[in-house]
C-alpha atoms as a PDB file:
ATOM      1  CA  MET A   1     141.528 106.097 101.338  1.00  0.00           C
ATOM      2  CA  SER A   2     139.709 105.889  98.013  1.00  0.00           C
ATOM      3  CA  ILE A   3     140.334 102.126  97.861  1.00  0.00           C
ATOM      4  CA  LEU A   4     138.671 101.737 101.255  1.00  0.00           C
ATOM      5  CA  LYS A   5     135.660 103.744 100.057  1.00  0.00           C
ATOM      6  CA  GLN A   6     135.390 101.593  96.935  1.00  0.00           C
ATOM      7  CA  GLU A   7     135.534  98.404  98.989  1.00  0.00           C
ATOM      8  CA  PHE A   8     132.896  99.737 101.380  1.00  0.00           C
ATOM      9  CA  LYS A   9     130.575 100.705  98.506  1.00  0.00           C
ATOM     10  CA  LEU A  10     131.034  97.271  96.937  1.00  0.00           C
ATOM     11  CA  ALA A  11     130.242  95.569 100.244  1.00  0.00           C
ATOM     12  CA  ILE A  12     127.086  97.648 100.746  1.00  0.00           C
ATOM     13  CA  SER A  13     125.876  97.031  97.198  1.00  0.00           C
ATOM     14  CA  SER A  14     126.474  93.294  97.605  1.00  0.00           C
ATOM     15  CA  LEU A  15     124.491  93.275 100.844  1.00  0.00           C
ATOM     16  CA  LEU A  16     121.621  95.198  99.265  1.00  0.00           C
ATOM     17  CA  ARG A  17     121.559  92.963  96.188  1.00  0.00           C
ATOM     18  CA  LEU A  18     120.961  89.805  98.250  1.00  0.00           C
ATOM     19  CA  PRO A  19     118.959  90.860 101.321  1.00  0.00           C
ATOM     20  CA  GLY A  20     117.913  87.318 102.252  1.00  0.00           C
ATOM     21  CA  PHE A  21     121.483  86.085 102.344  1.00  0.00           C
ATOM     22  CA  SER A  22     122.559  89.165 104.269  1.00  0.00           C
ATOM     23  CA  LEU A  23     119.823  88.662 106.850  1.00  0.00           C
ATOM     24  CA  THR A  24     120.771  85.006 107.231  1.00  0.00           C
ATOM     25  CA  VAL A  25     124.445  85.813 107.747  1.00  0.00           C
ATOM     26  CA  ILE A  26     123.749  88.614 110.221  1.00  0.00           C
ATOM     27  CA  THR A  27     121.270  86.472 112.178  1.00  0.00           C
ATOM     28  CA  THR A  28     123.696  83.545 112.284  1.00  0.00           C
ATOM     29  CA  LEU A  29     126.525  85.755 113.505  1.00  0.00           C
ATOM     30  CA  ALA A  30     124.307  87.343 116.155  1.00  0.00           C
ATOM     31  CA  ALA A  31     123.090  83.959 117.425  1.00  0.00           C
ATOM     32  CA  THR A  32     126.624  82.590 117.496  1.00  0.00           C
ATOM     33  CA  LEU A  33     127.966  85.565 119.436  1.00  0.00           C
ATOM     34  CA  ALA A  34     125.057  85.379 121.887  1.00  0.00           C
ATOM     35  CA  ALA A  35     125.637  81.661 122.465  1.00  0.00           C
ATOM     36  CA  LEU A  36     129.345  82.298 122.982  1.00  0.00           C
ATOM     37  CA  ALA A  37     128.581  85.002 125.541  1.00  0.00           C
ATOM     38  CA  VAL A  38     126.252  82.633 127.414  1.00  0.00           C
ATOM     39  CA  VAL A  39     128.862  79.864 127.493  1.00  0.00           C
ATOM     40  CA  ILE A  40     131.567  82.242 128.705  1.00  0.00           C
ATOM     41  CA  ASN A  41     129.301  83.580 131.467  1.00  0.00           C
ATOM     42  CA  ILE A  42     128.282  80.091 132.587  1.00  0.00           C
ATOM     43  CA  ASN A  43     131.950  79.102 132.645  1.00  0.00           C
ATOM     44  CA  TYR A  44     132.763  82.121 134.784  1.00  0.00           C
ATOM     45  CA  ILE A  45     129.867  81.540 137.185  1.00  0.00           C
ATOM     46  CA  TYR A  46     130.497  77.838 137.769  1.00  0.00           C
ATOM     47  CA  PHE A  47     134.282  77.571 137.561  1.00  0.00           C
ATOM     48  CA  VAL A  48     135.882  80.939 138.278  1.00  0.00           C
ATOM     49  CA  ALA A  49     133.657  82.869 140.666  1.00  0.00           C
ATOM     50  CA  GLN A  50     133.347  80.151 143.312  1.00  0.00           C
ATOM     51  CA  PRO A  51     133.685  81.659 146.785  1.00  0.00           C
ATOM     52  CA  THR A  52     135.992  79.970 149.266  1.00  0.00           C
ATOM     53  CA  ASP A  53     134.602  78.201 152.332  1.00  0.00           C
ATOM     54  CA  ALA A  54     135.880  80.956 154.624  1.00  0.00           C
ATOM     55  CA  LYS A  55     133.839  83.568 152.829  1.00  0.00           C
ATOM     56  CA  VAL A  56     130.728  81.391 152.910  1.00  0.00           C
ATOM     57  CA  LYS A  57     131.067  80.694 156.650  1.00  0.00           C
ATOM     58  CA  SER A  58     131.552  84.352 157.466  1.00  0.00           C
ATOM     59  CA  ALA A  59     128.575  85.272 155.318  1.00  0.00           C
ATOM     60  CA  VAL A  60     126.407  82.730 157.140  1.00  0.00           C
ATOM     61  CA  ARG A  61     127.445  84.148 160.522  1.00  0.00           C
ATOM     62  CA  ALA A  62     126.650  87.647 159.348  1.00  0.00           C
ATOM     63  CA  CYS A  63     123.138  86.599 158.309  1.00  0.00           C
ATOM     64  CA  ARG A  64     122.241  85.079 161.696  1.00  0.00           C
END
């Protein structure tokens, strides 16, 4: 457990020593993850969650 604490302290001190680099890395990771989430959701909406024709026809009848 002490090795993990040492590694964590070293990581924090490295991040605090170069705040500009840290901000750039964190911002890049956040933007990348957000873009990935958008692409996955668009993929799901357009290719996976397409209703069948039977469901669409029954929904149209229910609306009339």
